[in-house]
Amino acid sequence: MTDTWTATTVAISPCGDAALRVTVDGADTDRVWAAVHRLAGWLNHGVIGPSVTAVPTYDAVLVEFDPYHTTGELIASHIRAWDTTAGEHEESAGAVLDVPVLFGGEAGPDLEWVAEVVGRPVPKVIDLVCAKEHLIRCLGGPAASAMMDGPDFDVPIPRLATPRLRV
């Protein structure tokens, strides 16, 4: 199905007997992300029924359902009829969470390294991190870890060669 934005498509594929994967593809990643989250919200508000749950990611929605109460074909037909631009200009109903943050020392042993990578003094790195609200794009594993937009650094921060087990 192609909608009104440039080259944006919605593809639906089965994921076993009780789920569908709905992928939204388009040139504007922010609009794709917004469409994915609008679709998940629409599905989670019981449009199809209480036996449907939608989990959004960056560019796809996992739609889980109870096969004793509905079918993948029925859900897919509802999704195909969904207007991908509906609600596009409405404000999100998301909440703002204030998360206390500690910088440096045991609470952030990589702060100086990040400052070196971005070529800024430590206080400026802290200012950049605190300068805006960071949008949670999706929940990842394990345990629904928040995958957020990052600070406005001029360069990407590479992953550590050895992942930190705890901070």
Protein backbone atom coordinates (compact mmCIF):
# COMPACT_ATOMS: atom_id res chain seq x y z
CA MET A 1 0.00 0.00 0.00
CA THR A 2 1.42 3.39 -0.94
CA ASP A 3 0.19 6.50 0.79
CA THR A 4 0.50 10.23 0.25
CA TRP A 5 4.07 10.78 1.36
CA THR A 6 6.91 10.22 -1.02
CA ALA A 7 7.76 6.56 -1.58
CA THR A 8 6.32 5.41 1.73
CA THR A 9 5.00 1.88 1.88
CA VAL A 10 3.57 -0.40 4.52
CA ALA A 11 4.54 -4.08 4.24
CA ILE A 12 2.83 -6.78 6.31
CA SER A 13 4.38 -10.19 6.88
CA PRO A 14 3.47 -13.08 9.21
CA CYS A 15 5.59 -13.85 12.27
CA GLY A 16 4.49 -17.33 13.23
CA ASP A 17 0.88 -18.21 14.02
CA ALA A 18 0.10 -15.31 16.35
CA ALA A 19 1.89 -12.20 15.13
CA LEU A 20 2.46 -9.92 12.16
CA ARG A 21 5.38 -7.63 11.40
CA VAL A 22 4.33 -4.34 9.85
CA THR A 23 7.21 -2.41 8.30
CA VAL A 24 6.90 1.23 7.24
CA ASP A 25 9.38 2.38 4.61
CA GLY A 26 10.04 5.94 3.53
CA ALA A 27 12.72 8.53 2.88
CA ASP A 28 12.05 10.61 6.02
CA THR A 29 13.06 8.50 9.04
CA ASP A 30 11.30 10.80 11.52
CA ARG A 31 8.01 10.51 9.62
CA VAL A 32 8.44 6.73 9.37
CA TRP A 33 9.06 6.52 13.13
CA ALA A 34 6.02 8.72 13.83
CA ALA A 35 3.80 6.60 11.55
CA VAL A 36 4.97 3.39 13.27
CA HIS A 37 4.08 4.80 16.68
CA ARG A 38 0.72 6.14 15.48
CA LEU A 39 -0.11 2.70 14.07
CA ALA A 40 0.85 1.00 17.34
CA GLY A 41 -1.24 3.49 19.31
CA TRP A 42 -4.20 2.95 16.99
CA LEU A 43 -3.95 -0.84 17.36
CA ASN A 44 -3.42 -0.68 21.14
CA HIS A 45 -6.60 1.39 21.57
CA GLY A 46 -8.70 -1.66 20.73
CA VAL A 47 -9.61 -0.80 17.13
CA ILE A 48 -9.49 -4.46 16.16
CA GLY A 49 -10.17 -5.96 19.56
CA PRO A 50 -8.73 -6.55 23.00
CA SER A 51 -6.74 -9.58 21.86
CA VAL A 52 -4.34 -7.44 19.77
CA THR A 53 -1.15 -5.87 21.14
CA ALA A 54 1.25 -3.72 19.12
CA VAL A 55 4.92 -3.12 19.99
CA PRO A 56 6.57 -0.32 17.97
CA THR A 57 10.25 -0.03 17.06
CA TYR A 58 12.05 2.43 14.77
CA ASP A 59 10.47 1.36 11.48
CA ALA A 60 8.23 -1.59 12.29
CA VAL A 61 5.43 -2.77 14.56
CA LEU A 62 5.14 -6.28 15.96
CA VAL A 63 1.41 -7.00 16.14
CA GLU A 64 0.65 -9.90 18.47
CA PHE A 65 -2.81 -11.45 18.56
CA ASP A 66 -4.75 -14.34 20.02
CA PRO A 67 -5.42 -16.69 17.08
CA TYR A 68 -8.47 -18.08 18.91
CA HIS A 69 -10.15 -14.65 18.69
CA THR A 70 -8.94 -13.19 15.37
CA THR A 71 -6.76 -13.93 12.37
CA GLY A 72 -3.69 -12.39 10.83
CA GLU A 73 -5.66 -11.85 7.62
CA LEU A 74 -8.34 -9.83 9.41
CA ILE A 75 -5.76 -7.71 11.22
CA ALA A 76 -3.83 -7.17 7.97
CA SER A 77 -7.01 -5.96 6.25
CA HIS A 78 -7.55 -3.37 9.02
CA ILE A 79 -3.93 -2.24 8.75
CA ARG A 80 -4.19 -1.90 4.96
CA ALA A 81 -7.22 0.36 5.47
CA TRP A 82 -5.39 2.50 8.06
CA ASP A 83 -4.56 6.04 6.92
CA THR A 84 -0.80 6.44 7.50
CA THR A 85 -1.15 10.22 7.62
CA ALA A 86 -4.06 10.32 10.10
CA GLY A 87 -3.02 12.32 13.14
CA GLU A 88 0.32 13.23 11.60
CA HIS A 89 0.15 16.83 12.81
CA GLU A 90 -1.33 16.13 16.24
CA GLU A 91 0.74 16.37 19.39
CA SER A 92 1.89 13.07 20.84
CA ALA A 93 0.25 11.96 24.07
CA GLY A 94 3.60 10.80 25.43
CA ALA A 95 4.76 11.68 28.91
CA VAL A 96 7.86 13.57 29.97
CA LEU A 97 9.94 11.74 32.56
CA ASP A 98 12.53 13.55 34.65
CA VAL A 99 15.46 11.22 35.15
CA PRO A 100 18.13 12.24 37.66
CA VAL A 101 21.61 11.90 36.17
CA LEU A 102 25.06 11.72 37.73
CA PHE A 103 28.14 12.49 35.66
CA GLY A 104 31.71 11.26 36.05
CA GLY A 105 33.50 9.10 38.57
CA GLU A 106 31.86 5.78 39.38
CA ALA A 107 28.53 7.04 37.99
CA GLY A 108 30.02 7.69 34.55
CA PRO A 109 33.51 6.34 34.06
CA ASP A 110 33.49 7.17 30.32
CA LEU A 111 32.75 10.90 30.57
CA GLU A 112 36.33 12.02 29.91
CA TRP A 113 36.63 9.56 27.00
CA VAL A 114 33.41 10.91 25.43
CA ALA A 115 34.71 14.48 25.85
CA GLU A 116 37.91 13.46 24.07
CA VAL A 117 35.98 11.79 21.21
CA VAL A 118 33.77 14.85 20.62
CA GLY A 119 36.64 17.30 21.14
CA ARG A 120 34.85 19.29 23.84
CA PRO A 121 35.60 19.96 27.51
CA VAL A 122 33.72 17.81 30.03
CA PRO A 123 31.41 20.66 31.20
CA LYS A 124 30.34 21.29 27.57
CA VAL A 125 29.58 17.56 27.09
CA ILE A 126 27.36 17.70 30.20
CA ASP A 127 25.65 20.85 28.89
CA LEU A 128 24.93 19.14 25.55
CA VAL A 129 23.46 16.07 27.27
CA CYS A 130 21.20 18.24 29.45
CA ALA A 131 20.24 20.77 26.74
CA LYS A 132 17.15 18.97 25.46
CA GLU A 133 14.56 16.33 26.18
CA HIS A 134 15.69 13.00 24.74
CA LEU A 135 13.01 11.11 22.83
CA ILE A 136 12.63 7.40 23.57
CA ARG A 137 12.40 5.88 20.08
CA CYS A 138 11.65 2.31 21.14
CA LEU A 139 12.20 -0.24 23.87
CA GLY A 140 14.93 -2.78 23.24
CA GLY A 141 16.14 -5.90 24.94
CA PRO A 142 16.89 -7.01 27.45
CA ALA A 143 14.21 -5.83 29.86
CA ALA A 144 12.79 -3.07 27.65
CA SER A 145 15.87 -0.84 27.71
CA ALA A 146 15.03 2.64 26.45
CA MET A 147 16.59 3.38 23.05
CA MET A 148 16.79 7.18 22.93
CA ASP A 149 17.91 9.96 20.66
CA GLY A 150 21.27 11.21 21.85
CA PRO A 151 22.78 14.61 22.51
CA ASP A 152 23.68 16.91 19.63
CA PHE A 153 27.34 15.91 19.37
CA ASP A 154 29.12 16.73 16.10
CA VAL A 155 30.44 13.17 15.79
CA PRO A 156 29.00 9.75 16.64
CA ILE A 157 30.23 8.06 19.81
CA PRO A 158 31.58 4.61 18.98
CA ARG A 159 30.65 1.58 21.04
CA LEU A 160 33.17 0.34 23.56
CA ALA A 161 35.29 -2.59 22.39
CA THR A 162 34.20 -4.41 25.56
CA PRO A 163 30.65 -3.60 26.71
CA ARG A 164 30.33 -2.24 30.22
CA LEU A 165 28.44 -4.71 32.42
CA ARG A 166 27.27 -2.05 34.86
CA VAL A 167 27.68 1.59 35.74
